[in-house]
Amino acid sequence: MPFRFDCVFYYVSDLERAVGFYRDVLGLALRSRDFVARFELDGILVELVPSTEARVPGTGHARLTLGVDDMDAAVAELRRRGIPVTAPERKANGVLACLHDPDGNEICLWQYSQASCPPPRG
């Protein structure tokens, strides 16, 4: 059975508030909206799904990671908008910082080091 990628989604408790955050704070392009809100991020579908239970049970740890070219500028801009962001942390192949959407879903920012390169797309 062949599989194909469909989407990445987060459960949210308040769709209107979540749409504002992903559209106005993170700058994702809102593509459609009905029961769920659909955003496009570099050709990937990101959906926000309303739920009274904002967390999925389990022990896994998934998160949306957004690539940035200038971590310091990205963190400064989010903080200027009143969004708490962790201090950038140097890793073996880049720099990582994290924030949370209004429902507590973790979103990370990632800047590759000059010695590393992003994985091929497609």
C-alpha atoms as a PDB file:
ATOM      1  CA  MET A   1       0.000   0.000   0.000  1.00  0.00           C
ATOM      2  CA  PRO A   2       1.654   3.274  -1.034  1.00  0.00           C
ATOM      3  CA  PHE A   3       1.358   6.189   1.362  1.00  0.00           C
ATOM      4  CA  ARG A   4       1.427   9.866   0.541  1.00  0.00           C
ATOM      5  CA  PHE A   5       1.919  12.823   2.808  1.00  0.00           C
ATOM      6  CA  ASP A   6      -1.318  14.532   3.840  1.00  0.00           C
ATOM      7  CA  CYS A   7      -0.679  17.148   6.531  1.00  0.00           C
ATOM      8  CA  VAL A   8       0.693  18.091   9.923  1.00  0.00           C
ATOM      9  CA  PHE A   9      -1.946  19.158  12.413  1.00  0.00           C
ATOM     10  CA  TYR A  10      -2.340  20.544  15.912  1.00  0.00           C
ATOM     11  CA  TYR A  11      -5.428  20.397  18.088  1.00  0.00           C
ATOM     12  CA  VAL A  12      -6.520  23.820  19.303  1.00  0.00           C
ATOM     13  CA  SER A  13      -9.135  24.906  21.834  1.00  0.00           C
ATOM     14  CA  ASP A  14     -10.016  28.225  20.146  1.00  0.00           C
ATOM     15  CA  LEU A  15      -9.770  28.147  16.347  1.00  0.00           C
ATOM     16  CA  GLU A  16     -10.142  31.914  15.935  1.00  0.00           C
ATOM     17  CA  ARG A  17      -7.309  32.656  18.376  1.00  0.00           C
ATOM     18  CA  ALA A  18      -5.114  29.960  16.798  1.00  0.00           C
ATOM     19  CA  VAL A  19      -5.709  31.275  13.259  1.00  0.00           C
ATOM     20  CA  GLY A  20      -4.621  34.725  14.414  1.00  0.00           C
ATOM     21  CA  PHE A  21      -1.430  33.345  15.927  1.00  0.00           C
ATOM     22  CA  TYR A  22      -0.385  31.205  12.959  1.00  0.00           C
ATOM     23  CA  ARG A  23      -1.382  33.836  10.371  1.00  0.00           C
ATOM     24  CA  ASP A  24      -0.470  37.102  12.095  1.00  0.00           C
ATOM     25  CA  VAL A  25       2.425  36.118  14.366  1.00  0.00           C
ATOM     26  CA  LEU A  26       4.100  33.301  12.416  1.00  0.00           C
ATOM     27  CA  GLY A  27       3.112  34.605   8.977  1.00  0.00           C
ATOM     28  CA  LEU A  28       1.753  31.329   7.584  1.00  0.00           C
ATOM     29  CA  ALA A  29      -0.543  31.673   4.567  1.00  0.00           C
ATOM     30  CA  LEU A  30      -4.163  30.734   5.362  1.00  0.00           C
ATOM     31  CA  ARG A  31      -5.352  28.618   2.407  1.00  0.00           C
ATOM     32  CA  SER A  32      -8.847  27.553   3.480  1.00  0.00           C
ATOM     33  CA  ARG A  33     -11.105  27.363   6.450  1.00  0.00           C
ATOM     34  CA  ASP A  34     -14.211  25.387   7.306  1.00  0.00           C
ATOM     35  CA  PHE A  35     -14.326  23.093  10.338  1.00  0.00           C
ATOM     36  CA  VAL A  36     -10.506  23.295  10.369  1.00  0.00           C
ATOM     37  CA  ALA A  37      -8.071  25.996   9.275  1.00  0.00           C
ATOM     38  CA  ARG A  38      -5.508  25.050   6.619  1.00  0.00           C
ATOM     39  CA  PHE A  39      -2.218  26.850   6.164  1.00  0.00           C
ATOM     40  CA  GLU A  40       0.522  26.306   3.634  1.00  0.00           C
ATOM     41  CA  LEU A  41       4.144  26.292   4.691  1.00  0.00           C
ATOM     42  CA  ASP A  42       6.624  25.635   1.869  1.00  0.00           C
ATOM     43  CA  GLY A  43       4.147  23.377   0.095  1.00  0.00           C
ATOM     44  CA  ILE A  44       3.229  21.472   3.284  1.00  0.00           C
ATOM     45  CA  LEU A  45      -0.328  21.547   4.621  1.00  0.00           C
ATOM     46  CA  VAL A  46      -0.553  22.576   8.290  1.00  0.00           C
ATOM     47  CA  GLU A  47      -4.030  22.183   9.804  1.00  0.00           C
ATOM     48  CA  LEU A  48      -5.511  23.512  13.023  1.00  0.00           C
ATOM     49  CA  VAL A  49      -8.256  21.222  14.297  1.00  0.00           C
ATOM     50  CA  PRO A  50     -10.660  22.381  17.025  1.00  0.00           C
ATOM     51  CA  SER A  51     -10.925  20.014  19.957  1.00  0.00           C
ATOM     52  CA  THR A  52     -12.011  20.121  23.564  1.00  0.00           C
ATOM     53  CA  GLU A  53      -8.924  17.990  24.284  1.00  0.00           C
ATOM     54  CA  ALA A  54      -5.950  20.013  23.060  1.00  0.00           C
ATOM     55  CA  ARG A  55      -3.422  17.241  23.696  1.00  0.00           C
ATOM     56  CA  VAL A  56      -3.131  13.883  22.035  1.00  0.00           C
ATOM     57  CA  PRO A  57      -2.436  11.122  24.571  1.00  0.00           C
ATOM     58  CA  GLY A  58       0.817   9.255  24.194  1.00  0.00           C
ATOM     59  CA  THR A  59       4.506   9.489  24.895  1.00  0.00           C
ATOM     60  CA  GLY A  60       5.740  10.739  21.522  1.00  0.00           C
ATOM     61  CA  HIS A  61       7.229  14.173  21.088  1.00  0.00           C
ATOM     62  CA  ALA A  62       6.369  15.773  17.749  1.00  0.00           C
ATOM     63  CA  ARG A  63       6.613  19.441  16.932  1.00  0.00           C
ATOM     64  CA  LEU A  64       6.451  21.872  14.069  1.00  0.00           C
ATOM     65  CA  THR A  65       9.891  23.265  13.287  1.00  0.00           C
ATOM     66  CA  LEU A  66      10.326  26.463  11.281  1.00  0.00           C
ATOM     67  CA  GLY A  67      13.630  27.153   9.567  1.00  0.00           C
ATOM     68  CA  VAL A  68      15.162  30.612   9.989  1.00  0.00           C
ATOM     69  CA  ASP A  69      18.217  32.262   8.448  1.00  0.00           C
ATOM     70  CA  ASP A  70      18.896  34.579  11.413  1.00  0.00           C
ATOM     71  CA  MET A  71      17.955  33.108  14.788  1.00  0.00           C
ATOM     72  CA  ASP A  72      18.714  36.252  16.764  1.00  0.00           C
ATOM     73  CA  ALA A  73      16.491  38.376  14.517  1.00  0.00           C
ATOM     74  CA  ALA A  74      13.660  35.808  14.583  1.00  0.00           C
ATOM     75  CA  VAL A  75      13.739  35.526  18.387  1.00  0.00           C
ATOM     76  CA  ALA A  76      13.912  39.311  18.789  1.00  0.00           C
ATOM     77  CA  GLU A  77      10.902  39.818  16.484  1.00  0.00           C
ATOM     78  CA  LEU A  78       8.767  37.246  18.302  1.00  0.00           C
ATOM     79  CA  ARG A  79       9.685  38.711  21.693  1.00  0.00           C
ATOM     80  CA  ARG A  80       8.866  42.194  20.371  1.00  0.00           C
ATOM     81  CA  ARG A  81       5.392  40.826  19.621  1.00  0.00           C
ATOM     82  CA  GLY A  82       5.104  39.546  23.191  1.00  0.00           C
ATOM     83  CA  ILE A  83       5.731  35.873  22.396  1.00  0.00           C
ATOM     84  CA  PRO A  84       7.936  34.072  24.956  1.00  0.00           C
ATOM     85  CA  VAL A  85      10.784  32.232  23.214  1.00  0.00           C
ATOM     86  CA  THR A  86      13.514  30.145  24.840  1.00  0.00           C
ATOM     87  CA  ALA A  87      17.071  31.367  24.635  1.00  0.00           C
ATOM     88  CA  PRO A  88      18.730  30.091  21.448  1.00  0.00           C
ATOM     89  CA  GLU A  89      20.636  26.891  22.201  1.00  0.00           C
ATOM     90  CA  ARG A  90      23.630  25.802  20.156  1.00  0.00           C
ATOM     91  CA  LYS A  91      23.447  22.208  18.935  1.00  0.00           C
ATOM     92  CA  ALA A  92      25.991  20.154  16.978  1.00  0.00           C
ATOM     93  CA  ASN A  93      24.609  21.272  13.591  1.00  0.00           C
ATOM     94  CA  GLY A  94      22.730  24.483  14.321  1.00  0.00           C
ATOM     95  CA  VAL A  95      20.813  26.654  16.750  1.00  0.00           C
ATOM     96  CA  LEU A  96      17.416  25.835  18.315  1.00  0.00           C
ATOM     97  CA  ALA A  97      14.835  28.002  20.099  1.00  0.00           C
ATOM     98  CA  CYS A  98      11.269  27.091  21.071  1.00  0.00           C
ATOM     99  CA  LEU A  99       7.952  28.782  21.678  1.00  0.00           C
ATOM    100  CA  HIS A 100       4.360  27.673  22.212  1.00  0.00           C
ATOM    101  CA  ASP A 101       1.115  28.510  20.457  1.00  0.00           C
ATOM    102  CA  PRO A 102      -1.866  29.685  22.568  1.00  0.00           C
ATOM    103  CA  ASP A 103      -2.789  26.027  23.295  1.00  0.00           C
ATOM    104  CA  GLY A 104       0.695  25.055  24.444  1.00  0.00           C
ATOM    105  CA  ASN A 105       1.688  23.222  21.241  1.00  0.00           C
ATOM    106  CA  GLU A 106       5.457  23.445  20.896  1.00  0.00           C
ATOM    107  CA  ILE A 107       6.919  25.164  17.839  1.00  0.00           C
ATOM    108  CA  CYS A 108      10.655  25.298  17.276  1.00  0.00           C
ATOM    109  CA  LEU A 109      12.868  27.618  15.301  1.00  0.00           C
ATOM    110  CA  TRP A 110      15.947  26.076  13.673  1.00  0.00           C
ATOM    111  CA  GLN A 111      18.952  27.697  12.045  1.00  0.00           C
ATOM    112  CA  TYR A 112      21.423  25.338  10.375  1.00  0.00           C
ATOM    113  CA  SER A 113      25.099  25.930  11.083  1.00  0.00           C
ATOM    114  CA  GLN A 114      27.255  26.964   8.152  1.00  0.00           C
ATOM    115  CA  ALA A 115      28.931  23.539   8.220  1.00  0.00           C
ATOM    116  CA  SER A 116      25.567  21.783   7.926  1.00  0.00           C
ATOM    117  CA  CYS A 117      23.071  22.004   5.181  1.00  0.00           C
ATOM    118  CA  PRO A 118      19.332  21.316   5.282  1.00  0.00           C
ATOM    119  CA  PRO A 119      18.148  17.938   4.048  1.00  0.00           C
ATOM    120  CA  PRO A 120      17.081  17.834   0.400  1.00  0.00           C
ATOM    121  CA  ARG A 121      13.426  18.673  -0.183  1.00  0.00           C
ATOM    122  CA  GLY A 122      11.017  16.687  -2.262  1.00  0.00           C
END
